[in-house]
């Protein structure tokens, strides 16, 4: 299946309506559960950054740290991710 490209993108012109492709903060938090924990892949669905960037932000203190649920299981609190989405540092 071929994807069509708008004429402005094909010619390299800037398309200022690209914001419509990005979900709003309200849309992103609406799909989050009210409470619980999220694993890394689930966090990345709501916070569109790479794994390495996420861990770099954790090291800098600008992204919440996960909690240990077991010896080999870490997860993020939904509340912490919701706070980050609404107020990114």
PDB file of N, CA and C in Angstrom:
ATOM      1  N   UNK A   1       0.832  -1.170   0.000  1.00  0.00           N
ATOM      2  CA  UNK A   1       0.000   0.000   0.000  1.00  0.00           C
ATOM      3  C   UNK A   1       0.885   1.245   0.000  1.00  0.00           C
ATOM      4  N   UNK A   2       0.650   2.147  -0.908  1.00  0.00           N
ATOM      5  CA  UNK A   2       1.447   3.358  -1.026  1.00  0.00           C
ATOM      6  C   UNK A   2       0.850   4.470  -0.191  1.00  0.00           C
ATOM      7  N   UNK A   3       1.717   5.229   0.422  1.00  0.00           N
ATOM      8  CA  UNK A   3       1.294   6.374   1.210  1.00  0.00           C
ATOM      9  C   UNK A   3       1.407   7.616   0.343  1.00  0.00           C
ATOM     10  N   UNK A   4       0.358   8.427   0.313  1.00  0.00           N
ATOM     11  CA  UNK A   4       0.399   9.638  -0.492  1.00  0.00           C
ATOM     12  C   UNK A   4       1.107  10.743   0.279  1.00  0.00           C
ATOM     13  N   UNK A   5       1.783  11.587  -0.442  1.00  0.00           N
ATOM     14  CA  UNK A   5       2.517  12.705   0.150  1.00  0.00           C
ATOM     15  C   UNK A   5       1.859  13.988  -0.330  1.00  0.00           C
ATOM     16  N   UNK A   6       1.640  14.893   0.617  1.00  0.00           N
ATOM     17  CA  UNK A   6       1.032  16.162   0.235  1.00  0.00           C
ATOM     18  C   UNK A   6       1.988  16.925  -0.689  1.00  0.00           C
ATOM     19  N   UNK A   7       1.456  17.758  -1.582  1.00  0.00           N
ATOM     20  CA  UNK A   7       2.315  18.502  -2.503  1.00  0.00           C
ATOM     21  C   UNK A   7       3.360  19.354  -1.797  1.00  0.00           C
ATOM     22  N   UNK A   8       3.011  19.938  -0.645  1.00  0.00           N
ATOM     23  CA  UNK A   8       3.981  20.791   0.050  1.00  0.00           C
ATOM     24  C   UNK A   8       5.151  19.964   0.567  1.00  0.00           C
ATOM     25  N   UNK A   9       4.912  18.737   1.005  1.00  0.00           N
ATOM     26  CA  UNK A   9       5.999  17.886   1.490  1.00  0.00           C
ATOM     27  C   UNK A   9       6.836  17.372   0.333  1.00  0.00           C
ATOM     28  N   UNK A  10       6.209  17.112  -0.795  1.00  0.00           N
ATOM     29  CA  UNK A  10       6.943  16.602  -1.949  1.00  0.00           C
ATOM     30  C   UNK A  10       7.914  17.650  -2.484  1.00  0.00           C
ATOM     31  N   UNK A  11       7.555  18.925  -2.364  1.00  0.00           N
ATOM     32  CA  UNK A  11       8.420  19.991  -2.865  1.00  0.00           C
ATOM     33  C   UNK A  11       9.379  20.507  -1.804  1.00  0.00           C
ATOM     34  N   UNK A  12       9.247  19.984  -0.572  1.00  0.00           N
ATOM     35  CA  UNK A  12      10.141  20.407   0.500  1.00  0.00           C
ATOM     36  C   UNK A  12       9.684  21.673   1.204  1.00  0.00           C
ATOM     37  N   UNK A  13       8.483  22.140   0.907  1.00  0.00           N
ATOM     38  CA  UNK A  13       7.982  23.332   1.578  1.00  0.00           C
ATOM     39  C   UNK A  13       7.505  22.956   2.970  1.00  0.00           C
ATOM     40  N   UNK A  14       7.562  23.893   3.867  1.00  0.00           N
ATOM     41  CA  UNK A  14       7.156  23.666   5.238  1.00  0.00           C
ATOM     42  C   UNK A  14       5.633  23.625   5.318  1.00  0.00           C
ATOM     43  N   UNK A  15       5.124  22.625   6.008  1.00  0.00           N
ATOM     44  CA  UNK A  15       3.689  22.508   6.228  1.00  0.00           C
ATOM     45  C   UNK A  15       3.428  22.854   7.690  1.00  0.00           C
ATOM     46  N   UNK A  16       2.830  24.000   7.947  1.00  0.00           N
ATOM     47  CA  UNK A  16       2.642  24.473   9.313  1.00  0.00           C
ATOM     48  C   UNK A  16       1.488  23.795  10.020  1.00  0.00           C
ATOM     49  N   UNK A  17       0.799  22.881   9.384  1.00  0.00           N
ATOM     50  CA  UNK A  17      -0.311  22.189  10.013  1.00  0.00           C
ATOM     51  C   UNK A  17       0.103  20.831  10.567  1.00  0.00           C
ATOM     52  N   UNK A  18       1.389  20.600  10.766  1.00  0.00           N
ATOM     53  CA  UNK A  18       1.851  19.320  11.284  1.00  0.00           C
ATOM     54  C   UNK A  18       1.411  19.090  12.723  1.00  0.00           C
ATOM     55  N   UNK A  19       1.021  20.132  13.460  1.00  0.00           N
ATOM     56  CA  UNK A  19       0.566  19.980  14.834  1.00  0.00           C
ATOM     57  C   UNK A  19      -0.676  19.105  14.919  1.00  0.00           C
ATOM     58  N   UNK A  20      -1.432  19.040  13.858  1.00  0.00           N
ATOM     59  CA  UNK A  20      -2.659  18.239  13.902  1.00  0.00           C
ATOM     60  C   UNK A  20      -2.343  16.756  14.010  1.00  0.00           C
ATOM     61  N   UNK A  21      -1.136  16.345  13.630  1.00  0.00           N
ATOM     62  CA  UNK A  21      -0.743  14.950  13.736  1.00  0.00           C
ATOM     63  C   UNK A  21      -0.363  14.569  15.165  1.00  0.00           C
ATOM     64  N   UNK A  22      -0.021  15.542  15.987  1.00  0.00           N
ATOM     65  CA  UNK A  22       0.390  15.288  17.355  1.00  0.00           C
ATOM     66  C   UNK A  22      -0.830  15.317  18.275  1.00  0.00           C
ATOM     67  N   UNK A  23      -1.009  14.272  19.100  1.00  0.00           N
ATOM     68  CA  UNK A  23      -2.131  14.285  20.026  1.00  0.00           C
ATOM     69  C   UNK A  23      -1.922  15.338  21.103  1.00  0.00           C
ATOM     70  N   UNK A  24      -2.999  15.917  21.573  1.00  0.00           N
ATOM     71  CA  UNK A  24      -2.897  16.918  22.629  1.00  0.00           C
ATOM     72  C   UNK A  24      -2.616  16.227  23.952  1.00  0.00           C
ATOM     73  N   UNK A  25      -2.199  16.997  24.939  1.00  0.00           N
ATOM     74  CA  UNK A  25      -1.930  16.450  26.267  1.00  0.00           C
ATOM     75  C   UNK A  25      -3.190  15.821  26.834  1.00  0.00           C
ATOM     76  N   UNK A  26      -4.324  16.462  26.603  1.00  0.00           N
ATOM     77  CA  UNK A  26      -5.592  15.935  27.107  1.00  0.00           C
ATOM     78  C   UNK A  26      -5.899  14.581  26.477  1.00  0.00           C
ATOM     79  N   UNK A  27      -5.637  14.441  25.176  1.00  0.00           N
ATOM     80  CA  UNK A  27      -5.871  13.169  24.494  1.00  0.00           C
ATOM     81  C   UNK A  27      -4.967  12.072  25.049  1.00  0.00           C
ATOM     82  N   UNK A  28      -3.706  12.411  25.318  1.00  0.00           N
ATOM     83  CA  UNK A  28      -2.756  11.408  25.790  1.00  0.00           C
ATOM     84  C   UNK A  28      -3.117  10.931  27.196  1.00  0.00           C
ATOM     85  N   UNK A  29      -3.512  11.837  28.076  1.00  0.00           N
ATOM     86  CA  UNK A  29      -3.832  11.430  29.443  1.00  0.00           C
ATOM     87  C   UNK A  29      -5.198  10.774  29.530  1.00  0.00           C
ATOM     88  N   UNK A  30      -6.071  10.995  28.552  1.00  0.00           N
ATOM     89  CA  UNK A  30      -7.401  10.388  28.584  1.00  0.00           C
ATOM     90  C   UNK A  30      -7.319   8.870  28.473  1.00  0.00           C
ATOM     91  N   UNK A  31      -6.304   8.348  27.809  1.00  0.00           N
ATOM     92  CA  UNK A  31      -6.178   6.912  27.620  1.00  0.00           C
ATOM     93  C   UNK A  31      -5.378   6.227  28.725  1.00  0.00           C
ATOM     94  N   UNK A  32      -4.822   7.009  29.640  1.00  0.00           N
ATOM     95  CA  UNK A  32      -4.089   6.427  30.759  1.00  0.00           C
ATOM     96  C   UNK A  32      -5.074   5.846  31.773  1.00  0.00           C
ATOM     97  N   UNK A  33      -4.746   4.715  32.375  1.00  0.00           N
ATOM     98  CA  UNK A  33      -5.591   4.206  33.456  1.00  0.00           C
ATOM     99  C   UNK A  33      -5.594   5.201  34.617  1.00  0.00           C
ATOM    100  N   UNK A  34      -6.563   5.104  35.496  1.00  0.00           N
ATOM    101  CA  UNK A  34      -6.637   6.048  36.612  1.00  0.00           C
ATOM    102  C   UNK A  34      -5.567   5.777  37.656  1.00  0.00           C
ATOM    103  N   UNK A  35      -5.177   4.522  37.817  1.00  0.00           N
ATOM    104  CA  UNK A  35      -4.118   4.189  38.767  1.00  0.00           C
ATOM    105  C   UNK A  35      -3.441   2.908  38.309  1.00  0.00           C
ATOM    106  N   UNK A  36      -2.348   2.588  38.957  1.00  0.00           N
ATOM    107  CA  UNK A  36      -1.625   1.371  38.616  1.00  0.00           C
ATOM    108  C   UNK A  36      -0.215   1.666  38.147  1.00  0.00           C
ATOM    109  N   UNK A  37       0.328   0.738  37.379  1.00  0.00           N
ATOM    110  CA  UNK A  37       1.704   0.833  36.919  1.00  0.00           C
ATOM    111  C   UNK A  37       1.783   0.602  35.417  1.00  0.00           C
ATOM    112  N   UNK A  38       2.814   1.179  34.799  1.00  0.00           N
ATOM    113  CA  UNK A  38       3.064   1.009  33.368  1.00  0.00           C
ATOM    114  C   UNK A  38       4.478   0.482  33.180  1.00  0.00           C
ATOM    115  N   UNK A  39       4.621  -0.507  32.299  1.00  0.00           N
ATOM    116  CA  UNK A  39       5.938  -1.000  31.935  1.00  0.00           C
ATOM    117  C   UNK A  39       6.524  -0.072  30.871  1.00  0.00           C
ATOM    118  N   UNK A  40       7.792  -0.260  30.530  1.00  0.00           N
ATOM    119  CA  UNK A  40       8.508   0.639  29.629  1.00  0.00           C
ATOM    120  C   UNK A  40       7.793   0.816  28.288  1.00  0.00           C
ATOM    121  N   UNK A  41       7.371  -0.263  27.658  1.00  0.00           N
ATOM    122  CA  UNK A  41       6.714  -0.147  26.351  1.00  0.00           C
ATOM    123  C   UNK A  41       5.412   0.633  26.445  1.00  0.00           C
ATOM    124  N   UNK A  42       4.707   0.503  27.549  1.00  0.00           N
ATOM    125  CA  UNK A  42       3.476   1.263  27.739  1.00  0.00           C
ATOM    126  C   UNK A  42       3.782   2.742  27.957  1.00  0.00           C
ATOM    127  N   UNK A  43       4.825   3.040  28.719  1.00  0.00           N
ATOM    128  CA  UNK A  43       5.231   4.429  28.942  1.00  0.00           C
ATOM    129  C   UNK A  43       5.576   5.086  27.606  1.00  0.00           C
ATOM    130  N   UNK A  44       6.301   4.358  26.767  1.00  0.00           N
ATOM    131  CA  UNK A  44       6.716   4.916  25.470  1.00  0.00           C
ATOM    132  C   UNK A  44       5.531   5.196  24.551  1.00  0.00           C
ATOM    133  N   UNK A  45       4.396   4.546  24.769  1.00  0.00           N
ATOM    134  CA  UNK A  45       3.198   4.846  23.977  1.00  0.00           C
ATOM    135  C   UNK A  45       2.647   6.220  24.324  1.00  0.00           C
ATOM    136  N   UNK A  46       2.813   6.638  25.576  1.00  0.00           N
ATOM    137  CA  UNK A  46       2.277   7.920  26.022  1.00  0.00           C
ATOM    138  C   UNK A  46       3.310   9.041  25.993  1.00  0.00           C
ATOM    139  N   UNK A  47       4.581   8.684  26.089  1.00  0.00           N
ATOM    140  CA  UNK A  47       5.672   9.661  26.065  1.00  0.00           C
ATOM    141  C   UNK A  47       6.564   9.293  24.883  1.00  0.00           C
ATOM    142  N   UNK A  48       6.383   9.971  23.756  1.00  0.00           N
ATOM    143  CA  UNK A  48       7.086   9.570  22.531  1.00  0.00           C
ATOM    144  C   UNK A  48       8.567   9.969  22.490  1.00  0.00           C
ATOM    145  N   UNK A  49       9.358   9.338  23.347  1.00  0.00           N
ATOM    146  CA  UNK A  49      10.797   9.538  23.333  1.00  0.00           C
ATOM    147  C   UNK A  49      11.455   8.156  23.328  1.00  0.00           C
ATOM    148  N   UNK A  50      12.686   8.094  22.903  1.00  0.00           N
ATOM    149  CA  UNK A  50      13.383   6.810  22.845  1.00  0.00           C
ATOM    150  C   UNK A  50      13.725   6.325  24.254  1.00  0.00           C
ATOM    151  N   UNK A  51      14.043   5.048  24.334  1.00  0.00           N
ATOM    152  CA  UNK A  51      14.412   4.438  25.602  1.00  0.00           C
ATOM    153  C   UNK A  51      15.640   5.125  26.186  1.00  0.00           C
ATOM    154  N   UNK A  52      16.644   5.372  25.347  1.00  0.00           N
ATOM    155  CA  UNK A  52      17.877   5.991  25.848  1.00  0.00           C
ATOM    156  C   UNK A  52      17.622   7.415  26.336  1.00  0.00           C
ATOM    157  N   UNK A  53      16.771   8.163  25.637  1.00  0.00           N
ATOM    158  CA  UNK A  53      16.438   9.520  26.075  1.00  0.00           C
ATOM    159  C   UNK A  53      15.678   9.484  27.391  1.00  0.00           C
ATOM    160  N   UNK A  54      14.788   8.518  27.524  1.00  0.00           N
ATOM    161  CA  UNK A  54      14.018   8.382  28.761  1.00  0.00           C
ATOM    162  C   UNK A  54      14.957   8.150  29.945  1.00  0.00           C
ATOM    163  N   UNK A  55      15.910   7.223  29.783  1.00  0.00           N
ATOM    164  CA  UNK A  55      16.849   6.947  30.876  1.00  0.00           C
ATOM    165  C   UNK A  55      17.796   8.124  31.118  1.00  0.00           C
ATOM    166  N   UNK A  56      18.131   8.846  30.076  1.00  0.00           N
ATOM    167  CA  UNK A  56      18.968  10.042  30.244  1.00  0.00           C
ATOM    168  C   UNK A  56      18.211  11.103  31.049  1.00  0.00           C
ATOM    169  N   UNK A  57      16.923  11.275  30.752  1.00  0.00           N
ATOM    170  CA  UNK A  57      16.108  12.230  31.495  1.00  0.00           C
ATOM    171  C   UNK A  57      15.944  11.799  32.953  1.00  0.00           C
ATOM    172  N   UNK A  58      15.845  10.491  33.190  1.00  0.00           N
ATOM    173  CA  UNK A  58      15.763  10.003  34.569  1.00  0.00           C
ATOM    174  C   UNK A  58      17.048  10.347  35.320  1.00  0.00           C
ATOM    175  N   UNK A  59      18.181  10.174  34.658  1.00  0.00           N
ATOM    176  CA  UNK A  59      19.475  10.472  35.280  1.00  0.00           C
ATOM    177  C   UNK A  59      19.584  11.956  35.631  1.00  0.00           C
ATOM    178  N   UNK A  60      19.028  12.816  34.749  1.00  0.00           N
ATOM    179  CA  UNK A  60      19.063  14.261  34.993  1.00  0.00           C
ATOM    180  C   UNK A  60      17.996  14.707  35.999  1.00  0.00           C
ATOM    181  N   UNK A  61      17.091  13.802  36.338  1.00  0.00           N
ATOM    182  CA  UNK A  61      16.029  14.137  37.284  1.00  0.00           C
ATOM    183  C   UNK A  61      14.837  14.826  36.651  1.00  0.00           C
ATOM    184  N   UNK A  62      14.727  14.766  35.325  1.00  0.00           N
ATOM    185  CA  UNK A  62      13.616  15.430  34.641  1.00  0.00           C
ATOM    186  C   UNK A  62      12.515  14.462  34.221  1.00  0.00           C
ATOM    187  N   UNK A  63      12.685  13.172  34.520  1.00  0.00           N
ATOM    188  CA  UNK A  63      11.658  12.171  34.229  1.00  0.00           C
ATOM    189  C   UNK A  63      11.522  11.296  35.462  1.00  0.00           C
ATOM    190  N   UNK A  64      10.288  10.901  35.802  1.00  0.00           N
ATOM    191  CA  UNK A  64      10.121  10.100  37.021  1.00  0.00           C
ATOM    192  C   UNK A  64      10.841   8.754  36.938  1.00  0.00           C
ATOM    193  N   UNK A  65      11.289   8.294  38.077  1.00  0.00           N
ATOM    194  CA  UNK A  65      11.956   6.996  38.147  1.00  0.00           C
ATOM    195  C   UNK A  65      10.922   5.900  38.366  1.00  0.00           C
ATOM    196  N   UNK A  66      11.205   4.708  37.848  1.00  0.00           N
ATOM    197  CA  UNK A  66      10.280   3.597  38.070  1.00  0.00           C
ATOM    198  C   UNK A  66      10.417   3.061  39.495  1.00  0.00           C
ATOM    199  N   UNK A  67       9.459   2.256  39.893  1.00  0.00           N
ATOM    200  CA  UNK A  67       9.533   1.567  41.179  1.00  0.00           C
ATOM    201  C   UNK A  67       9.809   0.094  40.895  1.00  0.00           C
ATOM    202  N   UNK A  68      10.495  -0.555  41.796  1.00  0.00           N
ATOM    203  CA  UNK A  68      10.783  -1.975  41.654  1.00  0.00           C
ATOM    204  C   UNK A  68       9.582  -2.763  42.169  1.00  0.00           C
ATOM    205  N   UNK A  69       9.039  -3.616  41.303  1.00  0.00           N
ATOM    206  CA  UNK A  69       7.932  -4.471  41.705  1.00  0.00           C
ATOM    207  C   UNK A  69       8.415  -5.878  42.045  1.00  0.00           C
ATOM    208  N   UNK A  70       9.617  -6.172  41.677  1.00  0.00           N
ATOM    209  CA  UNK A  70      10.220  -7.475  41.935  1.00  0.00           C
ATOM    210  C   UNK A  70      11.688  -7.399  41.603  1.00  0.00           C
ATOM    211  N   UNK A  71      12.408  -8.517  41.731  1.00  0.00           N
ATOM    212  CA  UNK A  71      13.850  -8.481  41.467  1.00  0.00           C
ATOM    213  C   UNK A  71      14.206  -8.063  40.040  1.00  0.00           C
ATOM    214  N   UNK A  72      13.327  -8.376  39.077  1.00  0.00           N
ATOM    215  CA  UNK A  72      13.625  -8.058  37.678  1.00  0.00           C
ATOM    216  C   UNK A  72      12.503  -7.269  37.010  1.00  0.00           C
ATOM    217  N   UNK A  73      11.642  -6.666  37.804  1.00  0.00           N
ATOM    218  CA  UNK A  73      10.501  -5.946  37.231  1.00  0.00           C
ATOM    219  C   UNK A  73      10.457  -4.528  37.784  1.00  0.00           C
ATOM    220  N   UNK A  74      10.505  -3.558  36.877  1.00  0.00           N
ATOM    221  CA  UNK A  74      10.338  -2.146  37.227  1.00  0.00           C
ATOM    222  C   UNK A  74       9.170  -1.598  36.436  1.00  0.00           C
ATOM    223  N   UNK A  75       8.462  -0.666  37.034  1.00  0.00           N
ATOM    224  CA  UNK A  75       7.328  -0.045  36.349  1.00  0.00           C
ATOM    225  C   UNK A  75       7.153   1.366  36.892  1.00  0.00           C
ATOM    226  N   UNK A  76       6.490   2.198  36.111  1.00  0.00           N
ATOM    227  CA  UNK A  76       6.235   3.574  36.494  1.00  0.00           C
ATOM    228  C   UNK A  76       4.814   3.705  37.023  1.00  0.00           C
ATOM    229  N   UNK A  77       4.639   4.537  38.035  1.00  0.00           N
ATOM    230  CA  UNK A  77       3.294   4.829  38.536  1.00  0.00           C
ATOM    231  C   UNK A  77       2.552   5.650  37.485  1.00  0.00           C
ATOM    232  N   UNK A  78       1.315   5.303  37.244  1.00  0.00           N
ATOM    233  CA  UNK A  78       0.499   6.036  36.268  1.00  0.00           C
ATOM    234  C   UNK A  78       0.418   7.510  36.651  1.00  0.00           C
ATOM    235  N   UNK A  79       0.290   7.776  37.926  1.00  0.00           N
ATOM    236  CA  UNK A  79       0.180   9.169  38.392  1.00  0.00           C
ATOM    237  C   UNK A  79       1.429   9.969  38.027  1.00  0.00           C
ATOM    238  N   UNK A  80       2.609   9.349  38.153  1.00  0.00           N
ATOM    239  CA  UNK A  80       3.859  10.034  37.810  1.00  0.00           C
ATOM    240  C   UNK A  80       3.934  10.341  36.317  1.00  0.00           C
ATOM    241  N   UNK A  81       3.491   9.400  35.482  1.00  0.00           N
ATOM    242  CA  UNK A  81       3.514   9.614  34.032  1.00  0.00           C
ATOM    243  C   UNK A  81       2.501  10.675  33.653  1.00  0.00           C
ATOM    244  N   UNK A  82       1.323  10.654  34.260  1.00  0.00           N
ATOM    245  CA  UNK A  82       0.314  11.681  33.972  1.00  0.00           C
ATOM    246  C   UNK A  82       0.845  13.068  34.350  1.00  0.00           C
ATOM    247  N   UNK A  83       1.493  13.185  35.495  1.00  0.00           N
ATOM    248  CA  UNK A  83       2.080  14.462  35.912  1.00  0.00           C
ATOM    249  C   UNK A  83       3.164  14.919  34.934  1.00  0.00           C
ATOM    250  N   UNK A  84       3.973  13.990  34.461  1.00  0.00           N
ATOM    251  CA  UNK A  84       5.021  14.344  33.504  1.00  0.00           C
ATOM    252  C   UNK A  84       4.415  14.840  32.191  1.00  0.00           C
ATOM    253  N   UNK A  85       3.373  14.177  31.709  1.00  0.00           N
ATOM    254  CA  UNK A  85       2.737  14.572  30.456  1.00  0.00           C
ATOM    255  C   UNK A  85       2.129  15.962  30.580  1.00  0.00           C
ATOM    256  N   UNK A  86       1.483  16.245  31.688  1.00  0.00           N
ATOM    257  CA  UNK A  86       0.839  17.558  31.833  1.00  0.00           C
ATOM    258  C   UNK A  86       1.831  18.664  32.173  1.00  0.00           C
ATOM    259  N   UNK A  87       2.944  18.307  32.845  1.00  0.00           N
ATOM    260  CA  UNK A  87       3.958  19.304  33.233  1.00  0.00           C
ATOM    261  C   UNK A  87       5.351  18.772  32.965  1.00  0.00           C
ATOM    262  N   UNK A  88       5.743  18.639  31.693  1.00  0.00           N
ATOM    263  CA  UNK A  88       7.100  18.133  31.426  1.00  0.00           C
ATOM    264  C   UNK A  88       8.149  19.123  31.927  1.00  0.00           C
ATOM    265  N   UNK A  89       9.237  18.588  32.453  1.00  0.00           N
ATOM    266  CA  UNK A  89      10.287  19.458  33.004  1.00  0.00           C
ATOM    267  C   UNK A  89      11.317  19.751  31.971  1.00  0.00           C
TER     268      UNK A  89
END
